[in-house]
Each structure stands twice: as C-alpha cells, then as structure tokens.
C-alpha cells in the first residue's frame, strides 16, 4: 500500500493491531491532504454551497456503509470535516489501522472525481 490507488483497491478487514508511527507516516504520504490530529487522521473538504456539501456526504455514505468503517463527520455550510480512527485496535484502546487509510483514499477519490467541489 504505497499510494492512494493501492489503498482504493483494498477492502476493509477486521483490525486488532494499531499501526506504529513509521507505518502511519508512510500511509499519510499516500493521502497527502489528510493530517494527523489527536490520534486520528483528519481532512476538511470545501464546497461551493450547502447542497454540494450534502451531496458529498450522501456520496460517501455508500462507501462508509460498504466498508463498515464509520468516521466522525462535522458538516457545515461549505465544509465537511472527516476524522477516522479505529476503536477496535490496540486491545480496544483505539488507534489508527489500515482501514482508516483505505477509507481516506476512497473518500478522496469521490471528492476528486466528482463534480461537487
């Protein structure tokens, strides 16, 4: 999983092991618009209006459901902030897993190839 295209080809799987700092840094290179914040990966998507923001949220809902990996969403008039982490890793203490980066890459593809921005 060296780039976003590789990540988009993956399917989320049950995870129990959290990624270490080196693995996180490597995967962040593949999803360059995402940043590490408070133990989560976070990206803010910007849109021209509320309709476009909600259209994006509706578009990503399919991926979120299909992957069974649900982010935290903060939706405002022209922005959607997405935060991912995995609660099941690190003996239930949480952390980041491959699933977070797989979903980040898939959401980026929806944003980049859609006409919503």
C-alpha atoms as a PDB file:
ATOM      1  CA  UNK A   1       0.000   0.000   0.000  1.00  0.00           C
ATOM      2  CA  UNK A   2       2.352   2.653  -1.244  1.00  0.00           C
ATOM      3  CA  UNK A   3      -0.078   5.046  -2.901  1.00  0.00           C
ATOM      4  CA  UNK A   4      -3.712   6.123  -2.960  1.00  0.00           C
ATOM      5  CA  UNK A   5      -4.542   3.882  -5.919  1.00  0.00           C
ATOM      6  CA  UNK A   6      -3.285   0.833  -4.000  1.00  0.00           C
ATOM      7  CA  UNK A   7      -5.334   1.848  -0.956  1.00  0.00           C
ATOM      8  CA  UNK A   8      -8.509   2.288  -3.030  1.00  0.00           C
ATOM      9  CA  UNK A   9      -8.169  -1.306  -4.271  1.00  0.00           C
ATOM     10  CA  UNK A  10      -8.247  -2.684  -0.712  1.00  0.00           C
ATOM     11  CA  UNK A  11     -11.301  -3.734   1.270  1.00  0.00           C
ATOM     12  CA  UNK A  12     -11.519  -3.008   4.980  1.00  0.00           C
ATOM     13  CA  UNK A  13     -10.948  -6.056   7.170  1.00  0.00           C
ATOM     14  CA  UNK A  14     -11.355  -6.526  10.933  1.00  0.00           C
ATOM     15  CA  UNK A  15      -8.299  -4.977  12.613  1.00  0.00           C
ATOM     16  CA  UNK A  16      -6.775  -5.635  16.025  1.00  0.00           C
ATOM     17  CA  UNK A  17      -3.273  -4.201  15.586  1.00  0.00           C
ATOM     18  CA  UNK A  18      -2.692  -0.464  15.568  1.00  0.00           C
ATOM     19  CA  UNK A  19      -0.203   0.958  13.093  1.00  0.00           C
ATOM     20  CA  UNK A  20       3.070   2.250  14.514  1.00  0.00           C
ATOM     21  CA  UNK A  21       4.397   5.785  13.903  1.00  0.00           C
ATOM     22  CA  UNK A  22       6.501   4.744  10.906  1.00  0.00           C
ATOM     23  CA  UNK A  23       3.586   2.951   9.247  1.00  0.00           C
ATOM     24  CA  UNK A  24       1.319   5.949   9.858  1.00  0.00           C
ATOM     25  CA  UNK A  25       3.865   8.342   8.333  1.00  0.00           C
ATOM     26  CA  UNK A  26       4.198   6.095   5.280  1.00  0.00           C
ATOM     27  CA  UNK A  27       0.450   5.854   4.737  1.00  0.00           C
ATOM     28  CA  UNK A  28      -0.053   9.597   5.232  1.00  0.00           C
ATOM     29  CA  UNK A  29       2.131  10.126   2.157  1.00  0.00           C
ATOM     30  CA  UNK A  30      -0.479   8.262   0.112  1.00  0.00           C
ATOM     31  CA  UNK A  31      -3.294  10.524   1.344  1.00  0.00           C
ATOM     32  CA  UNK A  32      -1.424  13.816   1.368  1.00  0.00           C
ATOM     33  CA  UNK A  33      -4.422  16.044   2.144  1.00  0.00           C
ATOM     34  CA  UNK A  34      -5.018  14.248   5.444  1.00  0.00           C
ATOM     35  CA  UNK A  35      -3.266  15.248   8.669  1.00  0.00           C
ATOM     36  CA  UNK A  36      -2.671  13.531  11.963  1.00  0.00           C
ATOM     37  CA  UNK A  37      -4.599  15.198  14.783  1.00  0.00           C
ATOM     38  CA  UNK A  38      -5.287  13.859  18.278  1.00  0.00           C
ATOM     39  CA  UNK A  39      -4.698  10.241  17.257  1.00  0.00           C
ATOM     40  CA  UNK A  40      -6.956  10.472  14.195  1.00  0.00           C
ATOM     41  CA  UNK A  41      -6.462  11.253  10.549  1.00  0.00           C
ATOM     42  CA  UNK A  42      -8.461  14.317   9.546  1.00  0.00           C
ATOM     43  CA  UNK A  43      -9.349  16.089   6.312  1.00  0.00           C
ATOM     44  CA  UNK A  44     -11.526  19.108   5.664  1.00  0.00           C
ATOM     45  CA  UNK A  45     -13.304  19.140   2.300  1.00  0.00           C
ATOM     46  CA  UNK A  46     -14.506  22.517   0.978  1.00  0.00           C
ATOM     47  CA  UNK A  47     -17.533  23.070  -1.276  1.00  0.00           C
ATOM     48  CA  UNK A  48     -19.284  25.939  -3.047  1.00  0.00           C
ATOM     49  CA  UNK A  49     -22.524  25.667  -1.035  1.00  0.00           C
ATOM     50  CA  UNK A  50     -24.571  23.564   1.366  1.00  0.00           C
ATOM     51  CA  UNK A  51     -26.140  21.498  -1.412  1.00  0.00           C
ATOM     52  CA  UNK A  52     -22.708  20.423  -2.667  1.00  0.00           C
ATOM     53  CA  UNK A  53     -21.599  19.644   0.879  1.00  0.00           C
ATOM     54  CA  UNK A  54     -24.624  17.412   1.471  1.00  0.00           C
ATOM     55  CA  UNK A  55     -24.226  15.766  -1.946  1.00  0.00           C
ATOM     56  CA  UNK A  56     -20.694  14.764  -0.934  1.00  0.00           C
ATOM     57  CA  UNK A  57     -21.914  13.401   2.402  1.00  0.00           C
ATOM     58  CA  UNK A  58     -24.565  11.348   0.606  1.00  0.00           C
ATOM     59  CA  UNK A  59     -21.986  10.081  -1.893  1.00  0.00           C
ATOM     60  CA  UNK A  60     -19.548   8.953   0.792  1.00  0.00           C
ATOM     61  CA  UNK A  61     -22.322   7.287   2.803  1.00  0.00           C
ATOM     62  CA  UNK A  62     -22.263   4.316   0.421  1.00  0.00           C
ATOM     63  CA  UNK A  63     -18.521   3.753   0.896  1.00  0.00           C
ATOM     64  CA  UNK A  64     -18.748   4.214   4.655  1.00  0.00           C
ATOM     65  CA  UNK A  65     -21.547   1.645   4.851  1.00  0.00           C
ATOM     66  CA  UNK A  66     -19.977  -0.810   2.382  1.00  0.00           C
ATOM     67  CA  UNK A  67     -16.644  -0.741   4.230  1.00  0.00           C
ATOM     68  CA  UNK A  68     -18.388  -0.825   7.631  1.00  0.00           C
ATOM     69  CA  UNK A  69     -15.891   1.752   8.839  1.00  0.00           C
ATOM     70  CA  UNK A  70     -17.579   4.892  10.083  1.00  0.00           C
ATOM     71  CA  UNK A  71     -15.851   8.258  10.514  1.00  0.00           C
ATOM     72  CA  UNK A  72     -16.742  11.248  12.602  1.00  0.00           C
ATOM     73  CA  UNK A  73     -18.309  13.881  10.346  1.00  0.00           C
ATOM     74  CA  UNK A  74     -18.696  17.586  11.062  1.00  0.00           C
ATOM     75  CA  UNK A  75     -20.890  19.221   8.424  1.00  0.00           C
ATOM     76  CA  UNK A  76     -21.235  22.981   7.967  1.00  0.00           C
ATOM     77  CA  UNK A  77     -22.499  25.142   5.121  1.00  0.00           C
ATOM     78  CA  UNK A  78     -19.442  24.820   2.843  1.00  0.00           C
ATOM     79  CA  UNK A  79     -17.282  22.225   4.617  1.00  0.00           C
ATOM     80  CA  UNK A  80     -17.233  18.628   5.728  1.00  0.00           C
ATOM     81  CA  UNK A  81     -14.553  17.561   8.193  1.00  0.00           C
ATOM     82  CA  UNK A  82     -13.907  13.810   8.265  1.00  0.00           C
ATOM     83  CA  UNK A  83     -11.992  12.135  11.099  1.00  0.00           C
ATOM     84  CA  UNK A  84     -11.003   8.470  11.077  1.00  0.00           C
ATOM     85  CA  UNK A  85      -9.572   6.163  13.705  1.00  0.00           C
ATOM     86  CA  UNK A  86     -10.184   2.526  14.643  1.00  0.00           C
ATOM     87  CA  UNK A  87     -11.703   1.778  18.021  1.00  0.00           C
ATOM     88  CA  UNK A  88     -11.027  -1.978  17.912  1.00  0.00           C
ATOM     89  CA  UNK A  89      -7.232  -1.833  17.679  1.00  0.00           C
ATOM     90  CA  UNK A  90      -4.701  -1.722  20.483  1.00  0.00           C
ATOM     91  CA  UNK A  91      -6.740  -4.074  22.694  1.00  0.00           C
ATOM     92  CA  UNK A  92      -9.779  -1.792  22.419  1.00  0.00           C
ATOM     93  CA  UNK A  93      -7.851   1.360  23.323  1.00  0.00           C
ATOM     94  CA  UNK A  94      -8.039   2.600  19.731  1.00  0.00           C
ATOM     95  CA  UNK A  95      -5.530   3.923  17.265  1.00  0.00           C
ATOM     96  CA  UNK A  96      -5.032   4.009  13.532  1.00  0.00           C
ATOM     97  CA  UNK A  97      -5.318   0.999  11.239  1.00  0.00           C
ATOM     98  CA  UNK A  98      -5.064   0.300   7.535  1.00  0.00           C
ATOM     99  CA  UNK A  99      -8.856   0.672   7.365  1.00  0.00           C
ATOM    100  CA  UNK A 100      -8.589   4.378   8.176  1.00  0.00           C
ATOM    101  CA  UNK A 101      -6.259   4.979   5.248  1.00  0.00           C
ATOM    102  CA  UNK A 102      -8.238   2.745   2.874  1.00  0.00           C
ATOM    103  CA  UNK A 103     -11.363   4.781   3.554  1.00  0.00           C
ATOM    104  CA  UNK A 104      -9.498   8.096   3.379  1.00  0.00           C
ATOM    105  CA  UNK A 105      -8.262   7.221  -0.122  1.00  0.00           C
ATOM    106  CA  UNK A 106     -11.739   6.186  -1.229  1.00  0.00           C
ATOM    107  CA  UNK A 107     -13.316   9.401   0.066  1.00  0.00           C
ATOM    108  CA  UNK A 108     -10.613  11.432  -1.668  1.00  0.00           C
ATOM    109  CA  UNK A 109     -11.435   9.694  -4.947  1.00  0.00           C
ATOM    110  CA  UNK A 110     -15.104  10.615  -4.593  1.00  0.00           C
ATOM    111  CA  UNK A 111     -14.146  14.227  -3.929  1.00  0.00           C
ATOM    112  CA  UNK A 112     -11.520  14.449  -6.673  1.00  0.00           C
ATOM    113  CA  UNK A 113     -13.500  12.768  -9.437  1.00  0.00           C
ATOM    114  CA  UNK A 114     -16.880  14.161  -8.502  1.00  0.00           C
ATOM    115  CA  UNK A 115     -18.242  17.477  -9.624  1.00  0.00           C
ATOM    116  CA  UNK A 116     -19.142  18.542  -6.113  1.00  0.00           C
ATOM    117  CA  UNK A 117     -16.362  20.948  -5.209  1.00  0.00           C
END
